[in-house]
N, C-alpha and C. Protein backbone atom coordinates (compact mmCIF):
# COMPACT_ATOMS: atom_id res chain seq x y z
N MET A 1 12.40 4.77 -5.50
CA MET A 1 11.21 4.60 -5.30
C MET A 1 10.17 4.45 -4.35
N ARG A 2 9.11 4.91 -5.05
CA ARG A 2 7.82 5.28 -4.03
C ARG A 2 7.95 4.25 -2.60
N ASN A 3 7.23 4.22 -1.67
CA ASN A 3 7.16 3.42 -0.55
C ASN A 3 6.61 1.82 -1.44
N PRO A 4 6.94 0.83 -1.37
CA PRO A 4 6.52 -0.11 -2.02
C PRO A 4 5.16 -0.83 -1.51
N GLN A 5 4.68 -0.80 -0.15
CA GLN A 5 3.27 -0.53 -0.10
C GLN A 5 2.32 0.07 -0.64
N GLN A 6 2.89 1.16 -0.92
CA GLN A 6 1.97 2.12 -1.57
C GLN A 6 1.80 2.14 -3.01
N VAL A 7 2.92 1.40 -3.71
CA VAL A 7 2.84 1.09 -5.01
C VAL A 7 1.72 0.24 -5.08
N ALA A 8 2.18 -1.10 -4.39
CA ALA A 8 1.37 -2.46 -4.19
C ALA A 8 -0.14 -1.90 -4.28
N GLN A 9 -0.69 -1.14 -3.37
CA GLN A 9 -1.90 -1.02 -2.88
C GLN A 9 -2.77 -0.18 -4.17
N MET A 10 -1.81 0.68 -5.19
CA MET A 10 -2.22 1.46 -6.29
C MET A 10 -2.32 0.45 -7.60
N MET A 11 -1.28 -0.81 -7.32
CA MET A 11 -1.42 -1.79 -8.40
C MET A 11 -2.97 -2.51 -8.29
N LEU A 12 -3.36 -2.79 -6.48
CA LEU A 12 -4.43 -3.27 -6.57
C LEU A 12 -5.80 -2.64 -6.71
N LEU A 13 -5.88 -1.41 -6.58
CA LEU A 13 -6.87 -0.59 -6.90
C LEU A 13 -7.30 -0.75 -8.10
N GLN A 14 -6.61 -0.57 -9.39
CA GLN A 14 -6.62 -0.67 -10.24
C GLN A 14 -6.85 -2.15 -11.10
N ASP A 15 -6.67 -3.29 -10.21
CA ASP A 15 -7.15 -4.60 -10.78
C ASP A 15 -6.45 -5.76 -9.67
N CYS A 16 -7.44 -6.08 -8.95
CA CYS A 16 -7.19 -7.13 -7.93
C CYS A 16 -6.32 -7.96 -7.97
N GLY A 17 -6.35 -8.40 -9.27
CA GLY A 17 -5.61 -9.67 -10.17
C GLY A 17 -3.98 -9.59 -9.51
N TRP A 18 -3.81 -8.43 -9.44
CA TRP A 18 -2.44 -8.28 -9.55
C TRP A 18 -1.96 -8.89 -8.07
N LEU A 19 -2.66 -9.40 -7.05
CA LEU A 19 -2.32 -9.90 -5.67
C LEU A 19 -1.65 -11.11 -5.88
N ASP A 20 -1.99 -11.95 -7.03
CA ASP A 20 -1.64 -13.01 -6.93
C ASP A 20 0.04 -12.83 -7.24
N ASP A 21 0.11 -12.35 -8.69
CA ASP A 21 1.09 -11.90 -8.98
C ASP A 21 2.34 -11.57 -8.45
N LEU A 22 1.85 -10.45 -7.44
CA LEU A 22 2.94 -9.83 -6.55
C LEU A 22 3.35 -10.73 -5.42
N TRP A 23 2.45 -11.85 -5.02
CA TRP A 23 2.61 -12.55 -3.75
C TRP A 23 3.65 -13.70 -4.40
N LEU A 24 3.37 -14.01 -5.99
CA LEU A 24 4.05 -15.16 -6.12
C LEU A 24 5.34 -14.41 -6.50
N ARG A 25 5.88 -13.21 -6.82
CA ARG A 25 7.07 -12.81 -7.25
C ARG A 25 7.82 -12.47 -5.45
N TYR A 26 7.07 -11.95 -4.91
CA TYR A 26 7.35 -12.08 -3.40
C TYR A 26 8.00 -13.20 -2.95
N TRP A 27 7.20 -14.33 -3.02
CA TRP A 27 7.70 -15.27 -2.57
C TRP A 27 8.69 -16.08 -3.45
N ALA A 28 8.92 -16.03 -4.48
CA ALA A 28 10.01 -16.21 -5.44
C ALA A 28 11.32 -15.57 -5.08
N ASN A 29 11.09 -14.27 -4.47
CA ASN A 29 12.31 -13.64 -4.22
C ASN A 29 12.68 -13.50 -2.50
N GLY A 30 12.54 -14.51 -2.21
CA GLY A 30 12.39 -14.69 -0.50
C GLY A 30 11.36 -14.59 0.34
N GLY A 31 10.27 -14.04 0.12
CA GLY A 31 9.45 -13.31 1.02
C GLY A 31 8.80 -14.89 1.88
N SER A 32 8.62 -14.63 2.84
CA SER A 32 7.86 -15.93 4.00
C SER A 32 6.86 -15.93 4.29
N ALA A 33 5.96 -14.82 3.82
CA ALA A 33 4.03 -14.58 4.12
C ALA A 33 3.58 -15.55 3.34
N GLY A 34 2.61 -16.23 3.87
CA GLY A 34 1.54 -16.98 3.18
C GLY A 34 0.57 -15.58 2.37
N ILE A 35 -0.43 -16.08 1.55
CA ILE A 35 -0.69 -15.22 0.82
C ILE A 35 -1.70 -14.17 1.47
N PHE A 36 -2.11 -14.79 2.27
CA PHE A 36 -3.09 -14.24 3.45
C PHE A 36 -2.53 -13.08 4.28
N GLU A 37 -1.20 -13.72 4.86
CA GLU A 37 -0.21 -12.12 5.58
C GLU A 37 0.05 -11.74 4.76
N PHE A 38 0.13 -11.71 3.45
CA PHE A 38 1.09 -10.82 2.54
C PHE A 38 -0.15 -9.61 2.22
N ASP A 39 -1.17 -9.82 2.22
CA ASP A 39 -2.23 -9.29 1.81
C ASP A 39 -2.62 -8.44 3.13
N ALA A 40 -2.63 -9.05 4.11
CA ALA A 40 -2.50 -7.87 5.08
C ALA A 40 -1.82 -7.08 5.45
N PHE A 41 -0.69 -7.64 4.83
CA PHE A 41 1.08 -6.54 4.78
C PHE A 41 0.19 -5.28 3.67
N LEU A 42 0.08 -5.50 2.85
CA LEU A 42 -0.48 -4.60 1.74
C LEU A 42 -1.13 -3.57 2.33
N HIS A 43 -2.04 -4.62 3.05
CA HIS A 43 -3.36 -3.33 3.49
C HIS A 43 -3.13 -2.53 4.81
N GLY A 44 -1.76 -2.68 5.42
CA GLY A 44 -1.66 -2.16 6.42
C GLY A 44 -2.50 -2.92 7.66
N LEU A 45 -2.50 -4.18 7.68
CA LEU A 45 -3.01 -4.92 9.06
C LEU A 45 -1.87 -5.62 9.77
N ARG A 46 -0.86 -5.61 9.42
CA ARG A 46 0.27 -6.43 9.39
C ARG A 46 1.25 -5.78 9.36
N GLU A 47 2.35 -5.22 10.45
CA GLU A 47 3.77 -4.44 10.22
C GLU A 47 4.54 -5.18 9.77
N PRO A 48 4.80 -4.95 8.58
CA PRO A 48 6.47 -5.96 7.85
C PRO A 48 7.56 -5.43 8.62
N ASP A 49 8.58 -6.48 8.44
CA ASP A 49 9.84 -5.47 8.81
C ASP A 49 10.71 -5.31 7.47
N VAL A 50 11.79 -4.83 7.83
CA VAL A 50 12.17 -3.99 6.36
C VAL A 50 12.43 -4.91 5.66
N PHE A 51 13.11 -6.24 5.56
CA PHE A 51 13.67 -6.86 4.70
C PHE A 51 12.18 -7.37 3.95
N GLU A 52 10.79 -7.47 4.57
CA GLU A 52 9.71 -7.89 3.65
C GLU A 52 9.47 -6.48 2.85
N VAL A 53 9.86 -5.49 3.27
CA VAL A 53 9.32 -4.41 2.18
C VAL A 53 10.21 -4.19 1.17
N GLN A 54 11.59 -4.49 1.30
CA GLN A 54 12.64 -4.67 0.50
C GLN A 54 12.48 -5.80 -0.46
N ILE A 55 12.05 -6.86 -0.18
CA ILE A 55 11.58 -8.26 -1.26
C ILE A 55 9.90 -7.90 -1.99
N LEU A 56 9.00 -6.91 -1.33
CA LEU A 56 7.96 -6.88 -2.25
C LEU A 56 8.64 -5.39 -3.23
N ALA A 57 9.54 -4.59 -2.93
CA ALA A 57 10.00 -3.75 -3.74
C ALA A 57 10.99 -4.79 -4.98
N TRP A 58 11.53 -5.58 -4.65
CA TRP A 58 11.87 -6.38 -5.69
C TRP A 58 10.84 -7.31 -6.40
N ALA A 59 9.59 -7.42 -6.02
CA ALA A 59 8.52 -8.08 -6.22
C ALA A 59 7.75 -7.06 -7.37
N ILE A 60 8.08 -5.94 -7.53
CA ILE A 60 7.43 -4.62 -8.28
C ILE A 60 8.20 -4.66 -9.61
N GLU A 61 9.60 -4.51 -9.24
CA GLU A 61 10.60 -4.29 -10.09
C GLU A 61 10.05 -5.69 -10.90
N ASP A 62 10.43 -6.77 -10.60
CA ASP A 62 10.22 -7.63 -11.59
C ASP A 62 8.59 -7.98 -12.43
N LEU A 63 8.03 -7.70 -11.72
CA LEU A 63 6.81 -7.41 -12.46
C LEU A 63 6.85 -6.53 -13.55
N SER A 64 7.21 -5.03 -13.20
CA SER A 64 7.29 -4.33 -14.13
C SER A 64 8.50 -4.54 -15.04
N CYS A 65 9.64 -5.50 -15.01
CA CYS A 65 10.43 -5.78 -16.16
C CYS A 65 9.79 -6.67 -16.86
N ARG A 66 9.50 -7.68 -16.56
CA ARG A 66 8.35 -8.71 -17.28
C ARG A 66 7.36 -8.23 -18.20
N LEU A 67 6.81 -6.89 -17.51
CA LEU A 67 5.23 -6.38 -18.80
C LEU A 67 6.13 -5.29 -19.68
N LEU A 68 7.46 -5.01 -19.15
CA LEU A 68 8.29 -4.01 -20.44
C LEU A 68 8.38 -5.13 -21.28
N ASN A 69 9.23 -6.14 -20.91
CA ASN A 69 9.63 -7.09 -21.73
C ASN A 69 8.79 -8.14 -22.89
N SER A 70 7.37 -8.35 -22.27
CA SER A 70 6.51 -9.24 -23.24
C SER A 70 5.96 -8.47 -23.83
N THR A 71 5.30 -7.13 -23.45
CA THR A 71 4.04 -6.53 -23.97
C THR A 71 4.77 -5.09 -24.19
N GLY A 72 5.50 -4.72 -23.75
CA GLY A 72 6.19 -3.19 -24.07
C GLY A 72 4.79 -2.29 -23.41
N SER A 73 3.70 -2.52 -22.65
CA SER A 73 2.94 -1.71 -21.89
C SER A 73 3.17 -1.81 -20.51
N GLY A 74 4.05 -1.63 -19.85
CA GLY A 74 4.59 -1.25 -18.41
C GLY A 74 4.18 -0.38 -17.85
N GLN A 75 3.24 0.30 -18.58
CA GLN A 75 3.19 1.86 -18.36
C GLN A 75 2.59 1.87 -17.00
N LEU A 76 1.63 1.15 -16.25
CA LEU A 76 1.02 1.01 -15.12
C LEU A 76 2.43 1.22 -13.75
N LEU A 77 3.32 -0.02 -14.29
CA LEU A 77 4.85 0.42 -13.01
C LEU A 77 5.50 0.97 -13.49
N SER A 78 6.25 1.25 -14.26
CA SER A 78 7.06 2.05 -14.99
C SER A 78 7.18 3.53 -14.64
N GLY A 79 5.81 4.37 -14.67
CA GLY A 79 5.67 5.44 -14.22
C GLY A 79 5.84 5.39 -12.30
N GLU A 80 5.56 4.70 -11.42
CA GLU A 80 5.40 4.31 -10.29
C GLU A 80 7.14 3.78 -9.38
N LEU A 81 8.01 3.23 -10.51
CA LEU A 81 9.11 2.94 -10.08
C LEU A 81 10.00 4.33 -9.89
N GLY A 82 9.87 4.84 -10.72
CA GLY A 82 10.65 6.32 -11.28
C GLY A 82 12.00 6.19 -10.98
């Protein structure tokens, strides 16, 4: 997988609505940052620890699977997760 921070930034550039979805999946997977801290982390304003980066990767994978299963149009994420 590419750097999860970069993948998330690309997602947000395409649609800023991804922020809430990403944060909810991040939080559901054990992330501890609030949405404002999470946004700062995605934009490089706060340095995350290694575990937070892994949780972000899981959140991206979760969203990708949900998109593929529900609509069959998970093109945005499936190409990024390699």
